[in-house]
């Protein structure tokens, strides 16, 4: 493959998700070109994750009056955060990997946020099933 393109790697996934995973040939810091290519998807993933942070806080605290803490960031604020992280990712390999991972995992995180709460509620409902009486052993 040329120019840091990803080569698909076949592996089994959960319900078909992740059946093809891009094997990242990029490592180290982001190039200016890669930073530019990741800018829009990173901004979208960052905005989604801010909402998920608030949902997680609400789920943990069970406080219905909890204010929005992360999900009320204005577009300009998100652009500033994304810009700083993308510039830093051009100098720091750890930040670069964070940016790449957030973009790559964005779809899976979205699915988890849809399915996760339903799985937890399903578990609660299954736990409410009446206990069966045990049969007495014959003496």
Protein backbone atom coordinates (compact mmCIF):
# COMPACT_ATOMS: atom_id res chain seq x y z
CA UNK A 1 0.00 0.00 0.00
CA UNK A 2 1.20 3.49 -0.63
CA UNK A 3 1.33 6.61 1.51
CA UNK A 4 0.23 5.21 4.89
CA UNK A 5 -3.05 3.74 3.58
CA UNK A 6 -4.61 1.09 5.76
CA UNK A 7 -4.74 -2.50 4.62
CA UNK A 8 -7.87 -4.43 5.67
CA UNK A 9 -7.23 -7.20 8.15
CA UNK A 10 -9.86 -9.95 8.40
CA UNK A 11 -10.99 -11.02 11.87
CA UNK A 12 -14.18 -12.08 13.57
CA UNK A 13 -16.30 -9.36 15.09
CA UNK A 14 -19.29 -9.12 17.39
CA UNK A 15 -22.51 -9.36 15.32
CA UNK A 16 -20.46 -8.58 12.23
CA UNK A 17 -19.05 -5.35 13.64
CA UNK A 18 -15.33 -5.26 13.25
CA UNK A 19 -15.32 -8.09 10.70
CA UNK A 20 -12.84 -6.02 8.71
CA UNK A 21 -10.47 -3.88 10.69
CA UNK A 22 -8.09 -1.46 9.08
CA UNK A 23 -4.59 -2.43 10.03
CA UNK A 24 -3.05 0.94 10.66
CA UNK A 25 0.24 1.43 8.91
CA UNK A 26 0.52 4.86 10.49
CA UNK A 27 2.36 5.24 13.72
CA UNK A 28 4.12 8.06 15.40
CA UNK A 29 3.00 11.63 14.98
CA UNK A 30 0.45 12.90 12.47
CA UNK A 31 1.67 14.44 9.25
CA UNK A 32 0.13 17.76 8.27
CA UNK A 33 -1.81 15.93 5.54
CA UNK A 34 -3.13 13.27 7.94
CA UNK A 35 -4.11 15.96 10.47
CA UNK A 36 -6.08 17.75 7.77
CA UNK A 37 -7.77 14.51 6.67
CA UNK A 38 -8.73 13.66 10.26
CA UNK A 39 -9.96 17.16 11.15
CA UNK A 40 -13.66 16.75 10.27
CA UNK A 41 -14.10 13.13 11.47
CA UNK A 42 -12.21 13.97 14.68
CA UNK A 43 -14.40 17.01 15.33
CA UNK A 44 -17.56 14.90 14.80
CA UNK A 45 -16.27 12.10 17.05
CA UNK A 46 -15.29 14.60 19.74
CA UNK A 47 -18.75 16.20 19.67
CA UNK A 48 -20.44 12.78 19.96
CA UNK A 49 -18.19 11.73 22.83
CA UNK A 50 -18.97 14.88 24.80
CA UNK A 51 -22.64 13.87 24.74
CA UNK A 52 -21.72 10.34 25.79
CA UNK A 53 -19.76 11.71 28.75
CA UNK A 54 -22.87 13.49 30.03
CA UNK A 55 -24.98 10.36 29.47
CA UNK A 56 -22.43 8.34 31.43
CA UNK A 57 -22.44 10.87 34.27
CA UNK A 58 -26.24 10.82 34.37
CA UNK A 59 -26.31 7.01 34.40
CA UNK A 60 -23.75 6.91 37.21
CA UNK A 61 -25.28 9.63 39.40
CA UNK A 62 -28.97 8.97 38.64
CA UNK A 63 -29.46 12.72 39.06
CA UNK A 64 -32.26 13.81 36.74
CA UNK A 65 -31.43 17.46 37.44
CA UNK A 66 -27.80 17.08 36.40
CA UNK A 67 -26.85 19.92 34.09
CA UNK A 68 -25.09 19.34 30.80
CA UNK A 69 -21.40 19.56 31.51
CA UNK A 70 -19.68 18.36 28.35
CA UNK A 71 -22.40 18.13 25.71
CA UNK A 72 -23.20 21.83 25.73
CA UNK A 73 -19.86 22.81 24.19
CA UNK A 74 -20.35 25.29 21.38
CA UNK A 75 -19.03 24.42 17.93
CA UNK A 76 -16.32 27.05 18.32
CA UNK A 77 -15.18 25.47 21.62
CA UNK A 78 -15.05 22.02 20.01
CA UNK A 79 -13.07 23.44 17.10
CA UNK A 80 -10.55 24.96 19.53
CA UNK A 81 -10.14 21.69 21.47
CA UNK A 82 -9.86 19.67 18.24
CA UNK A 83 -7.37 22.15 16.77
CA UNK A 84 -5.12 22.04 19.82
CA UNK A 85 -5.17 18.23 19.91
CA UNK A 86 -4.50 17.92 16.16
CA UNK A 87 -1.56 20.34 16.36
CA UNK A 88 -0.19 18.49 19.38
CA UNK A 89 -0.66 15.17 17.53
CA UNK A 90 1.79 16.43 14.92
CA UNK A 91 4.46 16.61 17.65
CA UNK A 92 3.42 13.85 20.09
CA UNK A 93 2.88 10.20 19.14
CA UNK A 94 0.57 9.49 22.13
CA UNK A 95 -1.77 12.32 21.17
CA UNK A 96 -1.64 11.17 17.54
CA UNK A 97 -2.71 7.68 18.58
CA UNK A 98 -5.53 9.13 20.70
CA UNK A 99 -6.81 11.11 17.69
CA UNK A 100 -6.60 8.08 15.38
CA UNK A 101 -8.30 5.82 17.93
CA UNK A 102 -11.13 8.26 18.61
CA UNK A 103 -11.91 8.54 14.91
CA UNK A 104 -11.63 4.78 14.31
CA UNK A 105 -13.73 3.85 17.35
CA UNK A 106 -16.41 6.53 16.91
CA UNK A 107 -18.89 4.26 15.14
CA UNK A 108 -18.43 1.46 17.67
CA UNK A 109 -18.89 3.86 20.58
CA UNK A 110 -22.13 5.10 19.01
CA UNK A 111 -23.42 1.54 18.72
CA UNK A 112 -22.39 0.78 22.31
CA UNK A 113 -24.29 3.84 23.54
CA UNK A 114 -27.42 2.58 21.79
CA UNK A 115 -27.16 -1.08 22.74
CA UNK A 116 -25.47 -0.83 26.17
CA UNK A 117 -28.35 0.68 28.18
CA UNK A 118 -30.77 -1.78 26.58
CA UNK A 119 -28.56 -4.71 27.58
CA UNK A 120 -28.45 -3.40 31.16
CA UNK A 121 -32.25 -3.05 31.27
CA UNK A 122 -32.61 -6.55 29.80
CA UNK A 123 -30.42 -7.89 32.62
CA UNK A 124 -32.55 -6.10 35.22
CA UNK A 125 -35.74 -7.56 33.75
CA UNK A 126 -34.28 -11.05 33.64
CA UNK A 127 -33.31 -10.65 37.30
CA UNK A 128 -36.96 -10.00 38.22
CA UNK A 129 -38.03 -13.47 37.12
CA UNK A 130 -39.67 -15.35 39.99
CA UNK A 131 -37.51 -18.01 41.57
CA UNK A 132 -38.57 -21.56 40.89
CA UNK A 133 -39.36 -23.79 43.83
CA UNK A 134 -36.78 -26.52 44.20
CA UNK A 135 -37.98 -30.08 44.07
CA UNK A 136 -37.52 -31.96 47.30
CA UNK A 137 -35.27 -34.98 47.03
CA UNK A 138 -36.95 -38.29 47.85
CA UNK A 139 -35.69 -39.92 50.99
